[in-house]
Amino acid sequence: MTITRFAPSPTGYIHVGNLRTALMNYLIARKAGGQFILRLDDTDPERSKQEYADAIQQDLEWLGLTWDRLEKQSDRLERYEAAAQELRDMGRFYEAFETPTELDLKRKKQLNMGKPPVYDRAALNLSEDEKAKLRAERGNGVWRFKLDHERIEWTDGILGDLSIDAASVSDPVLIRGDGQFLYTLASVCDDVDYGVTHVVRGSDHVTNTATQIQIIRALGGTVPEFAHHSLLTGSQGEALSKRLGTLALRDLREAGVQPAALLSLMARLGSSQPVELVGSLDELAEGFDINSFGSAPTKFDADDLYPLTARYLGGLTVADVGAELDALGVPADEAEAFWTVARENITTLKDLGAWWELCQSGADPLVADEDADFIAEAMTLLPDGPYDASSWGDWTSAVKAATGRKGKGLFMPLRKAVTGMERGPDMSALMPLLKVIRAKG
């Protein structure tokens, strides 16, 4: 069975970069009829917050990304300790005591000598007495996994065949001095125990994947199929990392972005397939192909979400937006006509309020100086409401006969005077909804 996972840390709100990872893993599982696991990487007790854990689940539910299992790393600390002891017993785990300053000096010395700045494994030469003395002086050390110095090779689902020389990588720290288990060990244990078959994550994890492959094999697990997607950049190719805080899913939701728009864009962005508005997650899953994604940095522009949102809204029925219309106070007998007019002229549902305000209270006339006399005369020919589907045609015909104006010179000034806008819906459909036309006086 295909099993994937999305593993956010509940230390903040998830953003579009997180969503890309979540969605790819979700679609792979759903396309194969497999399982999608939501795993909260909450081993950091100081930074992990329940409010963020709740928010992650709320954001995924808003998008329809349902999970088959919810797991928390904080519930599995005994399992991680058992794995650590297993690594110690096989001679693949050792304690090291260097301070950050000492490590930095070592790296600089290696770079000056033209060598890769990797940990020199000096801790392996410490005697038990020396370790005891260092613990007494500095406290507990960190625990490093001893890599086999060989080439680590795998075929990546996006990047193709990869090969990393383990000798060019420092032995990874898996347990901090304060006893906190780090992501690398905890994630490996979880992937092994849960039978995860496919892991999709950002390309910044490639080196991490190499070390994890060795840890998985040391613990007797089966190595999943890995794929590393490109990282998102801004629309001009700039780093997006500093802006991700403004691209949280809940902020996009508040701005009126619809789930279908966000999912449709993120499921295709960076792939060879065109972005198309897709109506359901099942349809997205059916057409999803991880191999169609490229390795180049992927440009993301939040503005691209709004045309997709507008297109999605244009396909909704009045029943789909009943709650929003009720909230505005749109009467049931006017809802169908109002939605038919409004849906083709809004970008998000937030725009509905302005259109209902126009219908109820009218708009400030937009009248050019050269059209002032024309509008004044035209308004004397406009009868009092209520208006119907023939009102616009009857009125413009009367104005044309009285003034001789026609075409754009006739219709545009009248539209601007009535709606305060240069563009908008078919005026024959809008007029019956207008309770007030301010230009009439």
Protein backbone atom coordinates (compact mmCIF):
# COMPACT_ATOMS: atom_id res chain seq x y z
CA MET A 1 0.00 0.00 0.00
CA THR A 2 1.16 3.52 -0.77
CA ILE A 3 1.61 5.51 2.44
CA THR A 4 2.67 9.16 2.54
CA ARG A 5 2.89 11.75 5.27
CA PHE A 6 2.90 15.49 5.87
CA ALA A 7 4.98 16.40 8.90
CA PRO A 8 4.69 20.05 9.94
CA SER A 9 6.04 21.41 13.20
CA PRO A 10 3.33 23.17 15.24
CA THR A 11 5.53 26.21 15.77
CA GLY A 12 3.61 28.54 13.46
CA TYR A 13 0.92 28.73 10.79
CA ILE A 14 1.41 26.72 7.61
CA HIS A 15 2.09 28.68 4.42
CA VAL A 16 2.10 28.03 0.69
CA GLY A 17 5.51 26.36 0.87
CA ASN A 18 4.20 23.86 3.42
CA LEU A 19 1.05 23.35 1.37
CA ARG A 20 3.08 22.36 -1.69
CA THR A 21 4.64 19.51 0.28
CA ALA A 22 1.35 18.48 1.90
CA LEU A 23 -0.57 18.49 -1.37
CA MET A 24 1.99 16.43 -3.29
CA ASN A 25 2.04 13.76 -0.60
CA TYR A 26 -1.75 13.81 -0.33
CA LEU A 27 -2.31 13.43 -4.08
CA ILE A 28 0.18 10.56 -4.38
CA ALA A 29 -1.65 8.66 -1.63
CA ARG A 30 -5.13 9.37 -2.96
CA LYS A 31 -4.26 8.50 -6.56
CA ALA A 32 -2.96 5.12 -5.41
CA GLY A 33 -5.84 4.51 -3.00
CA GLY A 34 -3.35 4.56 -0.13
CA GLN A 35 -3.03 6.34 3.20
CA PHE A 36 -2.09 9.93 4.03
CA ILE A 37 -0.70 10.55 7.52
CA LEU A 38 -0.66 13.90 9.29
CA ARG A 39 2.31 13.83 11.67
CA LEU A 40 2.96 16.69 14.06
CA ASP A 41 6.69 17.07 14.67
CA ASP A 42 6.32 18.49 18.16
CA THR A 43 9.47 17.27 19.94
CA ASP A 44 10.46 20.87 20.74
CA PRO A 45 8.38 21.58 23.87
CA GLU A 46 9.27 25.27 24.00
CA ARG A 47 8.29 26.21 20.43
CA SER A 48 5.47 23.74 19.80
CA LYS A 49 2.05 25.19 20.65
CA GLN A 50 -1.38 23.55 20.71
CA GLU A 51 -2.89 26.58 18.99
CA TYR A 52 -0.65 25.95 15.99
CA ALA A 53 -1.42 22.22 16.00
CA ASP A 54 -5.14 23.10 15.90
CA ALA A 55 -4.57 25.70 13.19
CA ILE A 56 -2.70 23.23 10.97
CA GLN A 57 -5.63 20.85 11.12
CA GLN A 58 -8.15 23.64 10.48
CA ASP A 59 -6.24 24.88 7.44
CA LEU A 60 -5.97 21.40 5.93
CA GLU A 61 -9.67 20.76 6.56
CA TRP A 62 -10.54 24.06 4.85
CA LEU A 63 -8.77 22.74 1.76
CA GLY A 64 -10.35 19.30 2.03
CA LEU A 65 -7.01 17.57 2.69
CA THR A 66 -8.27 14.90 5.06
CA TRP A 67 -5.85 12.51 6.75
CA ASP A 68 -6.21 8.85 7.61
CA ARG A 69 -4.10 9.01 10.77
CA LEU A 70 -2.94 11.75 13.10
CA GLU A 71 0.34 11.11 14.90
CA LYS A 72 2.35 13.19 17.36
CA GLN A 73 6.06 12.75 17.87
CA SER A 74 5.72 13.87 21.48
CA ASP A 75 3.85 10.60 22.12
CA ARG A 76 6.79 8.51 20.89
CA LEU A 77 9.80 9.61 22.94
CA GLU A 78 10.29 6.11 24.35
CA ARG A 79 10.47 4.72 20.83
CA TYR A 80 13.15 7.23 19.87
CA GLU A 81 15.17 6.38 22.99
CA ALA A 82 14.97 2.69 22.10
CA ALA A 83 16.22 3.45 18.57
CA ALA A 84 19.05 5.53 20.01
CA GLN A 85 20.10 2.67 22.26
CA GLU A 86 19.97 0.29 19.32
CA LEU A 87 22.36 2.56 17.42
CA ARG A 88 24.67 2.76 20.45
CA ASP A 89 24.73 -1.03 20.75
CA MET A 90 25.80 -1.42 17.14
CA GLY A 91 28.55 1.21 17.46
CA ARG A 92 26.82 3.76 15.19
CA PHE A 93 26.11 6.39 17.85
CA TYR A 94 28.62 8.43 19.84
CA GLU A 95 28.64 11.36 22.24
CA ALA A 96 30.51 14.55 21.33
CA PHE A 97 31.21 17.58 23.50
CA GLU A 98 32.54 20.39 21.30
CA THR A 99 31.09 23.84 21.90
CA PRO A 100 29.66 25.82 18.96
CA THR A 101 32.77 28.03 19.05
CA GLU A 102 35.09 25.03 18.86
CA LEU A 103 33.14 23.58 15.95
CA ASP A 104 33.28 26.90 14.14
CA LEU A 105 37.05 27.07 14.54
CA LYS A 106 37.39 23.53 13.19
CA ARG A 107 35.31 24.39 10.14
CA LYS A 108 37.37 27.48 9.41
CA LYS A 109 40.62 25.53 9.74
CA GLN A 110 39.37 22.87 7.32
CA LEU A 111 38.23 25.45 4.80
CA ASN A 112 41.63 27.17 4.97
CA MET A 113 43.24 23.81 4.21
CA GLY A 114 40.94 23.28 1.23
CA LYS A 115 39.05 20.46 2.92
CA PRO A 116 35.28 20.05 3.27
CA PRO A 117 34.08 21.53 6.60
CA VAL A 118 32.86 18.29 8.13
CA TYR A 119 33.07 17.11 11.73
CA ASP A 120 36.43 15.42 12.32
CA ARG A 121 35.12 12.71 14.67
CA ALA A 122 37.51 13.74 17.42
CA ALA A 123 34.98 12.51 19.99
CA LEU A 124 35.58 8.92 18.89
CA ASN A 125 39.06 9.11 20.42
CA LEU A 126 37.85 10.14 23.88
CA SER A 127 38.32 7.69 26.74
CA GLU A 128 35.52 7.02 29.22
CA ASP A 129 37.38 9.09 31.82
CA GLU A 130 37.72 11.99 29.39
CA LYS A 131 34.00 11.82 28.58
CA ALA A 132 33.12 11.81 32.27
CA LYS A 133 35.31 14.85 32.85
CA LEU A 134 33.72 16.73 29.91
CA ARG A 135 30.23 15.90 31.19
CA ALA A 136 31.17 17.26 34.58
CA GLU A 137 32.53 20.45 33.01
CA ARG A 138 30.04 21.03 30.17
CA GLY A 139 27.05 18.84 30.83
CA ASN A 140 25.83 16.09 28.53
CA GLY A 141 27.13 16.09 24.99
CA VAL A 142 25.26 15.71 21.72
CA TRP A 143 24.84 12.30 20.10
CA ARG A 144 26.04 11.87 16.54
CA PHE A 145 25.25 9.09 14.07
CA LYS A 146 28.41 7.55 12.63
CA LEU A 147 28.04 7.52 8.86
CA ASP A 148 29.57 4.81 6.74
CA HIS A 149 31.93 6.68 4.44
CA GLU A 150 30.55 5.42 1.16
CA ARG A 151 28.46 6.84 -1.64
CA ILE A 152 24.75 7.07 -0.87
CA GLU A 153 22.72 6.66 -4.04
CA TRP A 154 19.02 6.77 -4.85
CA THR A 155 16.73 7.65 -7.75
CA ASP A 156 14.78 10.76 -6.86
CA GLY A 157 11.23 11.13 -8.17
CA ILE A 158 11.98 14.68 -9.38
CA LEU A 159 15.76 15.12 -9.43
CA GLY A 160 16.61 11.75 -10.98
CA ASP A 161 19.67 9.72 -10.01
CA LEU A 162 21.48 11.23 -7.02
CA SER A 163 24.75 10.27 -5.37
CA ILE A 164 26.27 11.83 -2.27
CA ASP A 165 29.64 10.94 -0.77
CA ALA A 166 28.98 10.40 2.95
CA ALA A 167 32.58 11.44 3.67
CA SER A 168 31.63 14.97 2.56
CA VAL A 169 28.89 15.20 5.20
CA SER A 170 29.27 15.65 8.93
CA ASP A 171 27.99 12.87 11.16
CA PRO A 172 24.51 14.26 11.97
CA VAL A 173 23.53 15.21 15.50
CA LEU A 174 20.42 13.22 16.43
CA ILE A 175 20.08 14.13 20.12
CA ARG A 176 20.89 17.54 21.58
CA GLY A 177 22.76 18.06 24.81
CA ASP A 178 19.49 18.76 26.63
CA GLY A 179 18.17 15.38 25.53
CA GLN A 180 15.81 16.62 22.81
CA PHE A 181 15.48 14.23 19.88
CA LEU A 182 16.05 16.01 16.59
CA TYR A 183 13.99 15.66 13.44
CA THR A 184 16.36 13.29 11.67
CA LEU A 185 16.10 10.43 14.17
CA ALA A 186 12.43 10.93 15.02
CA SER A 187 11.41 11.12 11.37
CA VAL A 188 13.30 7.96 10.48
CA CYS A 189 11.67 6.02 13.32
CA ASP A 190 8.22 7.23 12.28
CA ASP A 191 8.71 6.46 8.59
CA VAL A 192 9.94 2.97 9.43
CA ASP A 193 7.21 2.22 11.96
CA TYR A 194 4.36 3.64 9.88
CA GLY A 195 5.51 1.92 6.70
CA VAL A 196 5.85 5.18 4.75
CA THR A 197 6.53 4.31 1.11
CA HIS A 198 6.86 7.75 -0.49
CA VAL A 199 8.35 10.98 0.90
CA VAL A 200 8.05 14.26 -0.99
CA ARG A 201 9.74 17.31 0.50
CA GLY A 202 11.79 20.37 -0.42
CA SER A 203 15.11 20.21 -2.22
CA ASP A 204 16.79 21.71 0.84
CA HIS A 205 16.44 18.24 2.40
CA VAL A 206 18.57 16.36 -0.15
CA THR A 207 21.66 16.02 2.06
CA ASN A 208 19.43 15.20 5.02
CA THR A 209 17.83 12.43 2.96
CA ALA A 210 21.24 10.88 2.29
CA THR A 211 22.00 10.58 5.99
CA GLN A 212 18.49 9.34 6.74
CA ILE A 213 18.87 6.55 4.21
CA GLN A 214 21.82 5.22 6.19
CA ILE A 215 19.93 5.53 9.49
CA ILE A 216 16.90 3.73 8.02
CA ARG A 217 19.11 0.87 6.86
CA ALA A 218 20.92 0.72 10.22
CA LEU A 219 17.55 0.32 11.97
CA GLY A 220 16.46 -2.38 9.54
CA GLY A 221 13.81 -0.32 7.78
CA THR A 222 12.81 -0.11 4.11
CA VAL A 223 13.94 3.06 2.35
CA PRO A 224 10.95 5.00 0.93
CA GLU A 225 10.87 6.49 -2.54
CA PHE A 226 12.08 10.08 -2.15
CA ALA A 227 11.24 13.10 -4.30
CA HIS A 228 12.53 16.60 -3.65
CA HIS A 229 10.53 19.47 -5.11
CA SER A 230 12.02 22.84 -5.96
CA LEU A 231 11.69 25.72 -3.55
CA LEU A 232 9.32 28.60 -4.20
CA THR A 233 10.56 32.05 -5.12
CA GLY A 234 8.76 35.35 -5.59
CA SER A 235 7.44 36.39 -9.00
CA GLN A 236 10.78 38.05 -9.83
CA GLY A 237 12.84 35.09 -8.66
CA GLU A 238 13.56 36.60 -5.24
CA ALA A 239 13.75 34.45 -2.14
CA LEU A 240 10.29 33.85 -0.77
CA SER A 241 11.35 32.77 2.69
CA LYS A 242 11.08 36.26 4.20
CA ARG A 243 7.57 36.69 2.80
CA LEU A 244 6.17 33.31 3.81
CA GLY A 245 4.76 34.80 6.99
CA THR A 246 2.40 36.88 4.83
CA LEU A 247 1.47 33.85 2.75
CA ALA A 248 -0.01 31.76 5.55
CA LEU A 249 -3.02 29.75 4.38
CA ARG A 250 -5.29 31.48 6.87
CA ASP A 251 -4.24 34.88 5.51
CA LEU A 252 -5.06 33.78 1.95
CA ARG A 253 -8.37 32.44 3.19
CA GLU A 254 -9.13 35.75 4.90
CA ALA A 255 -8.28 37.55 1.65
CA GLY A 256 -11.03 35.58 -0.10
CA VAL A 257 -8.96 33.00 -1.99
CA GLN A 258 -11.04 29.88 -2.67
CA PRO A 259 -9.67 26.40 -1.89
CA ALA A 260 -10.19 25.23 -5.49
CA ALA A 261 -8.02 28.09 -6.77
CA LEU A 262 -5.21 27.44 -4.29
CA LEU A 263 -5.21 23.69 -4.86
CA SER A 264 -5.38 23.98 -8.65
CA LEU A 265 -2.38 26.32 -8.74
CA MET A 266 -0.22 24.46 -6.24
CA ALA A 267 -0.85 21.04 -7.82
CA ARG A 268 0.64 22.15 -11.14
CA LEU A 269 3.03 25.00 -10.28
CA GLY A 270 6.55 24.04 -11.36
CA SER A 271 5.41 21.10 -13.49
CA SER A 272 5.19 20.61 -17.24
CA GLN A 273 1.40 20.52 -16.97
CA PRO A 274 -0.61 23.73 -17.44
CA VAL A 275 -2.44 25.25 -14.48
CA GLU A 276 -6.13 24.58 -14.87
CA LEU A 277 -9.04 25.20 -12.53
CA VAL A 278 -10.03 21.77 -11.24
CA GLY A 279 -13.26 21.21 -9.42
CA SER A 280 -12.35 18.39 -7.04
CA LEU A 281 -9.41 16.80 -5.25
CA ASP A 282 -10.25 13.47 -6.89
CA GLU A 283 -9.81 15.10 -10.28
CA LEU A 284 -6.52 16.66 -9.16
CA ALA A 285 -5.28 13.30 -7.89
CA GLU A 286 -6.19 11.53 -11.10
CA GLY A 287 -4.08 13.92 -13.18
CA PHE A 288 -1.17 14.26 -10.72
CA ASP A 289 2.29 13.14 -11.84
CA ILE A 290 5.26 13.79 -9.55
CA ASN A 291 7.64 13.07 -12.44
CA SER A 292 6.30 16.09 -14.35
CA PHE A 293 7.89 18.53 -11.88
CA GLY A 294 11.23 20.19 -12.59
CA SER A 295 14.20 21.02 -10.42
CA ALA A 296 14.43 24.74 -11.20
CA PRO A 297 13.25 27.24 -8.56
CA THR A 298 9.52 27.77 -8.95
CA LYS A 299 8.05 31.25 -9.13
CA PHE A 300 4.97 31.84 -7.03
CA ASP A 301 2.81 34.95 -7.32
CA ALA A 302 -0.17 35.20 -4.96
CA ASP A 303 -1.88 37.45 -7.52
CA ASP A 304 -2.32 34.36 -9.73
CA LEU A 305 -4.79 32.99 -7.19
CA TYR A 306 -7.38 35.69 -7.79
CA PRO A 307 -8.27 35.06 -11.46
CA LEU A 308 -8.68 31.38 -10.55
CA THR A 309 -10.86 32.34 -7.60
CA ALA A 310 -13.01 34.59 -9.81
CA ARG A 311 -13.37 31.80 -12.38
CA TYR A 312 -14.40 29.36 -9.66
CA LEU A 313 -17.01 31.74 -8.24
CA GLY A 314 -18.41 32.33 -11.71
CA GLY A 315 -19.39 28.67 -11.85
CA LEU A 316 -21.30 28.60 -8.55
CA THR A 317 -25.07 28.59 -8.25
CA VAL A 318 -27.09 30.79 -5.94
CA ALA A 319 -27.53 27.80 -3.63
CA ASP A 320 -23.75 27.54 -3.26
CA VAL A 321 -23.54 31.07 -1.86
CA GLY A 322 -26.79 31.12 0.08
CA ALA A 323 -25.08 31.75 3.41
CA GLU A 324 -23.15 34.72 2.05
CA LEU A 325 -26.26 36.27 0.49
CA ASP A 326 -28.24 35.74 3.69
CA ALA A 327 -25.50 37.48 5.65
CA LEU A 328 -25.82 40.51 3.35
CA GLY A 329 -29.58 40.57 3.76
CA VAL A 330 -30.41 39.74 0.16
CA PRO A 331 -34.13 38.76 0.04
CA ALA A 332 -34.85 35.25 -1.24
CA ASP A 333 -36.88 36.58 -4.16
CA GLU A 334 -33.95 38.71 -5.35
CA ALA A 335 -31.10 36.28 -4.63
CA GLU A 336 -31.05 34.53 -8.02
CA ALA A 337 -31.08 37.78 -10.02
CA PHE A 338 -28.48 39.41 -7.78
CA TRP A 339 -26.08 36.46 -7.88
CA THR A 340 -26.44 36.15 -11.67
CA VAL A 341 -25.33 39.77 -12.01
CA ALA A 342 -22.67 39.77 -9.30
CA ARG A 343 -20.85 36.48 -9.90
CA GLU A 344 -19.34 37.61 -13.20
CA ASN A 345 -18.13 40.86 -11.66
CA ILE A 346 -16.41 39.81 -8.46
CA THR A 347 -12.92 38.52 -7.71
CA THR A 348 -13.72 37.19 -4.24
CA LEU A 349 -16.88 36.84 -2.19
CA LYS A 350 -15.74 39.87 -0.23
CA ASP A 351 -16.72 41.95 -3.27
CA LEU A 352 -20.40 41.01 -2.94
CA GLY A 353 -20.99 43.61 -0.26
CA ALA A 354 -20.13 46.51 -2.55
CA TRP A 355 -22.51 45.25 -5.24
CA TRP A 356 -25.36 44.84 -2.77
CA GLU A 357 -24.67 48.32 -1.42
CA LEU A 358 -24.92 49.65 -4.98
CA CYS A 359 -28.28 47.95 -5.44
CA GLN A 360 -29.67 49.24 -2.17
CA SER A 361 -28.20 52.73 -1.88
CA GLY A 362 -26.95 53.65 -5.34
CA ALA A 363 -23.54 55.01 -6.24
CA ASP A 364 -21.97 58.43 -6.47
CA PRO A 365 -22.32 59.45 -10.14
CA LEU A 366 -19.15 59.49 -12.21
CA VAL A 367 -19.74 62.34 -14.68
CA ALA A 368 -17.14 64.01 -16.91
CA ASP A 369 -17.45 67.76 -17.31
CA GLU A 370 -18.24 67.46 -21.00
CA ASP A 371 -21.09 65.08 -20.19
CA ALA A 372 -22.72 67.09 -17.41
CA ASP A 373 -25.48 68.65 -19.53
CA PHE A 374 -26.11 65.37 -21.32
CA ILE A 375 -26.53 63.47 -18.04
CA ALA A 376 -28.78 66.17 -16.61
CA GLU A 377 -31.08 65.87 -19.62
CA ALA A 378 -30.93 62.07 -19.60
CA MET A 379 -31.97 61.92 -15.96
CA THR A 380 -35.16 63.89 -16.74
CA LEU A 381 -36.09 61.05 -19.09
CA LEU A 382 -35.51 58.30 -16.52
CA PRO A 383 -38.78 57.25 -14.88
CA ASP A 384 -39.03 56.45 -11.19
CA GLY A 385 -38.48 52.84 -10.19
CA PRO A 386 -39.03 50.04 -9.68
CA TYR A 387 -37.23 49.03 -12.86
CA ASP A 388 -37.50 45.85 -14.90
CA ALA A 389 -35.56 44.07 -17.64
CA SER A 390 -36.81 46.54 -20.30
CA SER A 391 -36.03 49.72 -18.34
CA TRP A 392 -32.45 50.17 -19.58
CA GLY A 393 -33.39 49.66 -23.22
CA ASP A 394 -36.42 51.94 -23.01
CA TRP A 395 -34.45 54.68 -21.27
CA THR A 396 -31.42 54.63 -23.58
CA SER A 397 -33.71 54.67 -26.61
CA ALA A 398 -35.49 57.76 -25.28
CA VAL A 399 -32.16 59.47 -24.50
CA LYS A 400 -30.83 58.65 -27.96
CA ALA A 401 -33.94 60.15 -29.61
CA ALA A 402 -33.72 63.31 -27.49
CA THR A 403 -29.96 63.94 -27.72
CA GLY A 404 -28.82 62.23 -30.91
CA ARG A 405 -26.07 60.39 -29.04
CA LYS A 406 -25.39 56.75 -29.84
CA GLY A 407 -22.92 53.93 -29.31
CA LYS A 408 -20.22 54.35 -26.69
CA GLY A 409 -20.95 58.07 -26.40
CA LEU A 410 -24.45 57.18 -25.27
CA PHE A 411 -24.04 54.09 -23.12
CA MET A 412 -20.75 54.75 -21.31
CA PRO A 413 -21.70 58.11 -19.69
CA LEU A 414 -25.05 56.66 -18.61
CA ARG A 415 -23.41 53.58 -17.04
CA LYS A 416 -20.90 55.78 -15.18
CA ALA A 417 -23.67 58.08 -13.93
CA VAL A 418 -25.80 55.18 -12.66
CA THR A 419 -23.13 52.85 -11.23
CA GLY A 420 -20.12 55.11 -10.64
CA MET A 421 -18.06 52.61 -12.66
CA GLU A 422 -16.80 52.36 -16.21
CA ARG A 423 -17.32 48.59 -16.42
CA GLY A 424 -19.75 46.12 -15.03
CA PRO A 425 -22.62 43.75 -15.76
CA ASP A 426 -25.28 43.96 -18.43
CA MET A 427 -27.24 47.05 -17.43
CA SER A 428 -30.51 45.41 -18.47
CA ALA A 429 -29.90 42.80 -15.77
CA LEU A 430 -28.61 45.30 -13.19
CA MET A 431 -31.34 47.94 -13.50
CA PRO A 432 -34.13 45.80 -11.96
CA LEU A 433 -31.98 45.41 -8.85
CA LEU A 434 -31.38 49.13 -8.32
CA LYS A 435 -33.51 50.70 -5.62
CA VAL A 436 -31.81 54.13 -5.89
CA ILE A 437 -30.11 56.02 -8.71
CA ARG A 438 -28.42 59.00 -7.11
CA ALA A 439 -27.76 60.83 -10.36
CA LYS A 440 -31.53 61.18 -10.77
CA GLY A 441 -31.58 63.43 -7.73
